[in-house]
Amino acid sequence: MLGAKWIEIDLKAKIWTIPAARMKSGREHRVPLSKAALAVLQEMESLRQNDRVFPGDRRETLSDMALLMLLRRMNRSDLTAHGFRSTFRDWAAERTNFPSEVVEMALAHAVSDKVEAAYRRGDLFEKRRKLMDAWAAYCARPESPGQIISMRSMG
């Protein structure tokens, strides 16, 4: 979401539409926004400086390094920003009953099977909305009050 622009965000419809030019696949990707995501966006809107949702100090937008530095300041050099995507994938596979194709579409992964890709026309948007709501609820719920559980300890 680092490169997100306000023009891509529809708060009323609860959708972030990433243009094809910014996607590896070269295809537009719609992201359903959970209540938690909307709360962050509404807070960012109140701090709005320019057309970027997350503006940088010296750059147009925050860099990947900004996230890495935040993790370091949190004494979490064992984590990476990309690791959050992996954590989401592991959670969805191990803790939910959402079909793999819904999860893969949420991650905007390309369908590797050419025949399947040729027949897949939809984007499973409403199913992905339920998935993102479940993920937001999971992220907001501590395993034990006041205790942070390392994802490494779950394996």
C-alpha atoms as a PDB file:
ATOM      1  CA  MET A   1       0.000   0.000   0.000  1.00  0.00           C
ATOM      2  CA  LEU A   2       3.071   2.230   0.088  1.00  0.00           C
ATOM      3  CA  GLY A   3       2.497   3.616  -3.411  1.00  0.00           C
ATOM      4  CA  ALA A   4      -1.262   4.074  -2.974  1.00  0.00           C
ATOM      5  CA  LYS A   5      -2.780   7.326  -4.203  1.00  0.00           C
ATOM      6  CA  TRP A   6      -5.974   8.838  -2.864  1.00  0.00           C
ATOM      7  CA  ILE A   7      -7.559   8.690  -6.310  1.00  0.00           C
ATOM      8  CA  GLU A   8      -7.325   4.864  -6.092  1.00  0.00           C
ATOM      9  CA  ILE A   9      -9.241   4.691  -2.803  1.00  0.00           C
ATOM     10  CA  ASP A  10     -13.044   4.600  -2.713  1.00  0.00           C
ATOM     11  CA  LEU A  11     -13.907   4.873   0.983  1.00  0.00           C
ATOM     12  CA  LYS A  12     -17.646   4.658   0.333  1.00  0.00           C
ATOM     13  CA  ALA A  13     -17.387   1.431  -1.689  1.00  0.00           C
ATOM     14  CA  LYS A  14     -14.572   0.165   0.576  1.00  0.00           C
ATOM     15  CA  ILE A  15     -12.287  -0.602  -2.369  1.00  0.00           C
ATOM     16  CA  TRP A  16      -8.695   0.198  -3.279  1.00  0.00           C
ATOM     17  CA  THR A  17      -8.122  -0.171  -7.025  1.00  0.00           C
ATOM     18  CA  ILE A  18      -4.470  -0.600  -7.945  1.00  0.00           C
ATOM     19  CA  PRO A  19      -3.883   0.421 -11.569  1.00  0.00           C
ATOM     20  CA  ALA A  20      -2.445  -2.103 -14.012  1.00  0.00           C
ATOM     21  CA  ALA A  21       0.714  -0.016 -14.417  1.00  0.00           C
ATOM     22  CA  ARG A  22       1.681  -0.689 -10.794  1.00  0.00           C
ATOM     23  CA  MET A  23       0.919  -4.414 -10.828  1.00  0.00           C
ATOM     24  CA  LYS A  24       3.459  -7.123 -11.789  1.00  0.00           C
ATOM     25  CA  SER A  25       0.720  -8.857 -13.767  1.00  0.00           C
ATOM     26  CA  GLY A  26      -0.031  -5.707 -15.741  1.00  0.00           C
ATOM     27  CA  ARG A  27      -3.706  -6.035 -14.753  1.00  0.00           C
ATOM     28  CA  GLU A  28      -5.763  -3.804 -12.477  1.00  0.00           C
ATOM     29  CA  HIS A  29      -6.314  -5.292  -8.999  1.00  0.00           C
ATOM     30  CA  ARG A  30      -9.204  -4.439  -6.695  1.00  0.00           C
ATOM     31  CA  VAL A  31      -8.639  -4.798  -2.956  1.00  0.00           C
ATOM     32  CA  PRO A  32     -11.590  -5.007  -0.563  1.00  0.00           C
ATOM     33  CA  LEU A  33     -10.963  -2.821   2.480  1.00  0.00           C
ATOM     34  CA  SER A  34     -11.793  -4.124   5.961  1.00  0.00           C
ATOM     35  CA  LYS A  35     -13.110  -1.850   8.718  1.00  0.00           C
ATOM     36  CA  ALA A  36      -9.619  -1.802  10.225  1.00  0.00           C
ATOM     37  CA  ALA A  37      -8.072  -0.749   6.904  1.00  0.00           C
ATOM     38  CA  LEU A  38     -10.725   1.936   6.503  1.00  0.00           C
ATOM     39  CA  ALA A  39      -9.929   3.268   9.985  1.00  0.00           C
ATOM     40  CA  VAL A  40      -6.252   3.623   9.035  1.00  0.00           C
ATOM     41  CA  LEU A  41      -7.188   5.317   5.767  1.00  0.00           C
ATOM     42  CA  GLN A  42      -9.538   7.738   7.504  1.00  0.00           C
ATOM     43  CA  GLU A  43      -6.757   8.649   9.937  1.00  0.00           C
ATOM     44  CA  MET A  44      -4.339   9.150   7.057  1.00  0.00           C
ATOM     45  CA  GLU A  45      -6.892  11.282   5.231  1.00  0.00           C
ATOM     46  CA  SER A  46      -7.031  13.627   8.205  1.00  0.00           C
ATOM     47  CA  LEU A  47      -3.228  14.052   7.855  1.00  0.00           C
ATOM     48  CA  ARG A  48      -3.330  14.333   4.059  1.00  0.00           C
ATOM     49  CA  GLN A  49      -0.391  16.230   2.544  1.00  0.00           C
ATOM     50  CA  ASN A  50      -0.578  15.331  -1.147  1.00  0.00           C
ATOM     51  CA  ASP A  51      -2.005  12.701  -3.511  1.00  0.00           C
ATOM     52  CA  ARG A  52      -0.208   9.840  -1.690  1.00  0.00           C
ATOM     53  CA  VAL A  53      -1.879   7.906   1.104  1.00  0.00           C
ATOM     54  CA  PHE A  54       1.489   7.352   2.822  1.00  0.00           C
ATOM     55  CA  PRO A  55       3.731  10.285   1.839  1.00  0.00           C
ATOM     56  CA  GLY A  56       7.429  10.213   2.588  1.00  0.00           C
ATOM     57  CA  ASP A  57       9.464  12.968   4.207  1.00  0.00           C
ATOM     58  CA  ARG A  58      11.937  13.409   1.372  1.00  0.00           C
ATOM     59  CA  ARG A  59      10.223  11.408  -1.361  1.00  0.00           C
ATOM     60  CA  GLU A  60       6.829  11.320  -2.974  1.00  0.00           C
ATOM     61  CA  THR A  61       5.928   8.188  -1.022  1.00  0.00           C
ATOM     62  CA  LEU A  62       7.379   6.033   1.738  1.00  0.00           C
ATOM     63  CA  SER A  63      10.028   3.586   0.605  1.00  0.00           C
ATOM     64  CA  ASP A  64      10.373  -0.102   1.413  1.00  0.00           C
ATOM     65  CA  MET A  65      13.324   0.950   3.552  1.00  0.00           C
ATOM     66  CA  ALA A  66      10.971   3.004   5.758  1.00  0.00           C
ATOM     67  CA  LEU A  67       9.153  -0.202   6.728  1.00  0.00           C
ATOM     68  CA  LEU A  68      12.423  -2.019   7.311  1.00  0.00           C
ATOM     69  CA  MET A  69      13.647   0.800   9.549  1.00  0.00           C
ATOM     70  CA  LEU A  70      10.367   0.737  11.490  1.00  0.00           C
ATOM     71  CA  LEU A  71      10.821  -2.985  12.115  1.00  0.00           C
ATOM     72  CA  ARG A  72      14.394  -2.343  13.277  1.00  0.00           C
ATOM     73  CA  ARG A  73      13.228   0.398  15.683  1.00  0.00           C
ATOM     74  CA  MET A  74      10.774  -2.175  17.040  1.00  0.00           C
ATOM     75  CA  ASN A  75      13.759  -4.521  17.565  1.00  0.00           C
ATOM     76  CA  ARG A  76      12.305  -6.907  14.982  1.00  0.00           C
ATOM     77  CA  SER A  77      15.243  -7.410  12.651  1.00  0.00           C
ATOM     78  CA  ASP A  78      13.972 -10.990  12.282  1.00  0.00           C
ATOM     79  CA  LEU A  79      11.024  -9.714  10.192  1.00  0.00           C
ATOM     80  CA  THR A  80      10.752  -8.336   6.676  1.00  0.00           C
ATOM     81  CA  ALA A  81       7.983  -6.330   5.040  1.00  0.00           C
ATOM     82  CA  HIS A  82       7.486  -9.098   2.459  1.00  0.00           C
ATOM     83  CA  GLY A  83       7.193 -11.568   5.327  1.00  0.00           C
ATOM     84  CA  PHE A  84       3.784 -10.080   6.143  1.00  0.00           C
ATOM     85  CA  ARG A  85       2.438 -11.428   2.842  1.00  0.00           C
ATOM     86  CA  SER A  86       3.866 -14.837   3.693  1.00  0.00           C
ATOM     87  CA  THR A  87       2.318 -14.662   7.164  1.00  0.00           C
ATOM     88  CA  PHE A  88      -1.065 -13.884   5.609  1.00  0.00           C
ATOM     89  CA  ARG A  89      -0.724 -16.872   3.258  1.00  0.00           C
ATOM     90  CA  ASP A  90       0.258 -19.219   6.091  1.00  0.00           C
ATOM     91  CA  TRP A  91      -2.600 -17.983   8.292  1.00  0.00           C
ATOM     92  CA  ALA A  92      -5.146 -18.443   5.518  1.00  0.00           C
ATOM     93  CA  ALA A  93      -3.937 -21.990   4.775  1.00  0.00           C
ATOM     94  CA  GLU A  94      -3.543 -23.140   8.372  1.00  0.00           C
ATOM     95  CA  ARG A  95      -6.270 -21.292  10.263  1.00  0.00           C
ATOM     96  CA  THR A  96      -9.143 -20.804   7.787  1.00  0.00           C
ATOM     97  CA  ASN A  97     -11.279 -22.704   5.321  1.00  0.00           C
ATOM     98  CA  PHE A  98     -10.981 -20.132   2.538  1.00  0.00           C
ATOM     99  CA  PRO A  99     -10.216 -21.807  -0.795  1.00  0.00           C
ATOM    100  CA  SER A 100      -6.656 -21.474  -2.024  1.00  0.00           C
ATOM    101  CA  GLU A 101      -7.758 -19.669  -5.187  1.00  0.00           C
ATOM    102  CA  VAL A 102      -9.406 -16.929  -3.088  1.00  0.00           C
ATOM    103  CA  VAL A 103      -6.225 -16.468  -1.068  1.00  0.00           C
ATOM    104  CA  GLU A 104      -4.014 -16.483  -4.150  1.00  0.00           C
ATOM    105  CA  MET A 105      -6.253 -13.910  -5.805  1.00  0.00           C
ATOM    106  CA  ALA A 106      -6.080 -11.738  -2.674  1.00  0.00           C
ATOM    107  CA  LEU A 107      -2.289 -11.808  -3.041  1.00  0.00           C
ATOM    108  CA  ALA A 108      -2.677 -10.985  -6.756  1.00  0.00           C
ATOM    109  CA  HIS A 109      -0.739 -14.093  -7.707  1.00  0.00           C
ATOM    110  CA  ALA A 110      -1.013 -15.177 -11.321  1.00  0.00           C
ATOM    111  CA  VAL A 111      -2.687 -18.487 -12.137  1.00  0.00           C
ATOM    112  CA  SER A 112       0.146 -20.731 -13.302  1.00  0.00           C
ATOM    113  CA  ASP A 113      -2.086 -23.220 -15.150  1.00  0.00           C
ATOM    114  CA  LYS A 114      -2.714 -21.653 -18.589  1.00  0.00           C
ATOM    115  CA  VAL A 115      -5.972 -23.550 -19.144  1.00  0.00           C
ATOM    116  CA  GLU A 116      -7.357 -22.501 -15.750  1.00  0.00           C
ATOM    117  CA  ALA A 117      -6.197 -18.916 -16.339  1.00  0.00           C
ATOM    118  CA  ALA A 118      -7.982 -18.826 -19.704  1.00  0.00           C
ATOM    119  CA  TYR A 119     -11.308 -19.729 -18.082  1.00  0.00           C
ATOM    120  CA  ARG A 120     -11.037 -17.622 -14.942  1.00  0.00           C
ATOM    121  CA  ARG A 121     -12.913 -14.413 -15.610  1.00  0.00           C
ATOM    122  CA  GLY A 122     -14.029 -13.269 -12.160  1.00  0.00           C
ATOM    123  CA  ASP A 123     -11.988 -11.897  -9.302  1.00  0.00           C
ATOM    124  CA  LEU A 124     -13.830 -13.552  -6.383  1.00  0.00           C
ATOM    125  CA  PHE A 125     -14.216 -10.080  -4.917  1.00  0.00           C
ATOM    126  CA  GLU A 126     -16.958 -10.746  -2.340  1.00  0.00           C
ATOM    127  CA  LYS A 127     -15.184 -13.882  -1.138  1.00  0.00           C
ATOM    128  CA  ARG A 128     -11.966 -11.861  -0.847  1.00  0.00           C
ATOM    129  CA  ARG A 129     -13.862  -9.217   1.152  1.00  0.00           C
ATOM    130  CA  LYS A 130     -14.819 -11.907   3.698  1.00  0.00           C
ATOM    131  CA  LEU A 131     -11.209 -13.118   3.739  1.00  0.00           C
ATOM    132  CA  MET A 132      -9.860  -9.620   4.409  1.00  0.00           C
ATOM    133  CA  ASP A 133     -12.422  -9.060   7.176  1.00  0.00           C
ATOM    134  CA  ALA A 134     -11.341 -12.346   8.791  1.00  0.00           C
ATOM    135  CA  TRP A 135      -7.662 -11.363   8.485  1.00  0.00           C
ATOM    136  CA  ALA A 136      -8.343  -7.964  10.079  1.00  0.00           C
ATOM    137  CA  ALA A 137     -10.185  -9.642  12.955  1.00  0.00           C
ATOM    138  CA  TYR A 138      -7.333 -12.113  13.416  1.00  0.00           C
ATOM    139  CA  CYS A 139      -4.700  -9.358  13.443  1.00  0.00           C
ATOM    140  CA  ALA A 140      -6.675  -7.352  16.006  1.00  0.00           C
ATOM    141  CA  ARG A 141      -7.185 -10.294  18.365  1.00  0.00           C
ATOM    142  CA  PRO A 142      -4.321 -11.045  20.734  1.00  0.00           C
ATOM    143  CA  GLU A 143      -3.716 -14.718  21.447  1.00  0.00           C
ATOM    144  CA  SER A 144      -3.301 -13.926  25.125  1.00  0.00           C
ATOM    145  CA  PRO A 145      -4.055 -10.560  26.731  1.00  0.00           C
ATOM    146  CA  GLY A 146      -0.943  -8.406  26.700  1.00  0.00           C
ATOM    147  CA  GLN A 147       1.200 -11.079  25.055  1.00  0.00           C
ATOM    148  CA  ILE A 148       2.593 -11.016  21.525  1.00  0.00           C
ATOM    149  CA  ILE A 149       2.992 -14.441  19.980  1.00  0.00           C
ATOM    150  CA  SER A 150       5.871 -14.941  17.540  1.00  0.00           C
ATOM    151  CA  MET A 151       4.793 -16.481  14.231  1.00  0.00           C
ATOM    152  CA  ARG A 152       7.995 -18.560  14.410  1.00  0.00           C
ATOM    153  CA  SER A 153       6.712 -20.256  17.581  1.00  0.00           C
ATOM    154  CA  MET A 154       3.563 -21.356  15.750  1.00  0.00           C
ATOM    155  CA  GLY A 155       5.460 -23.693  13.391  1.00  0.00           C
END
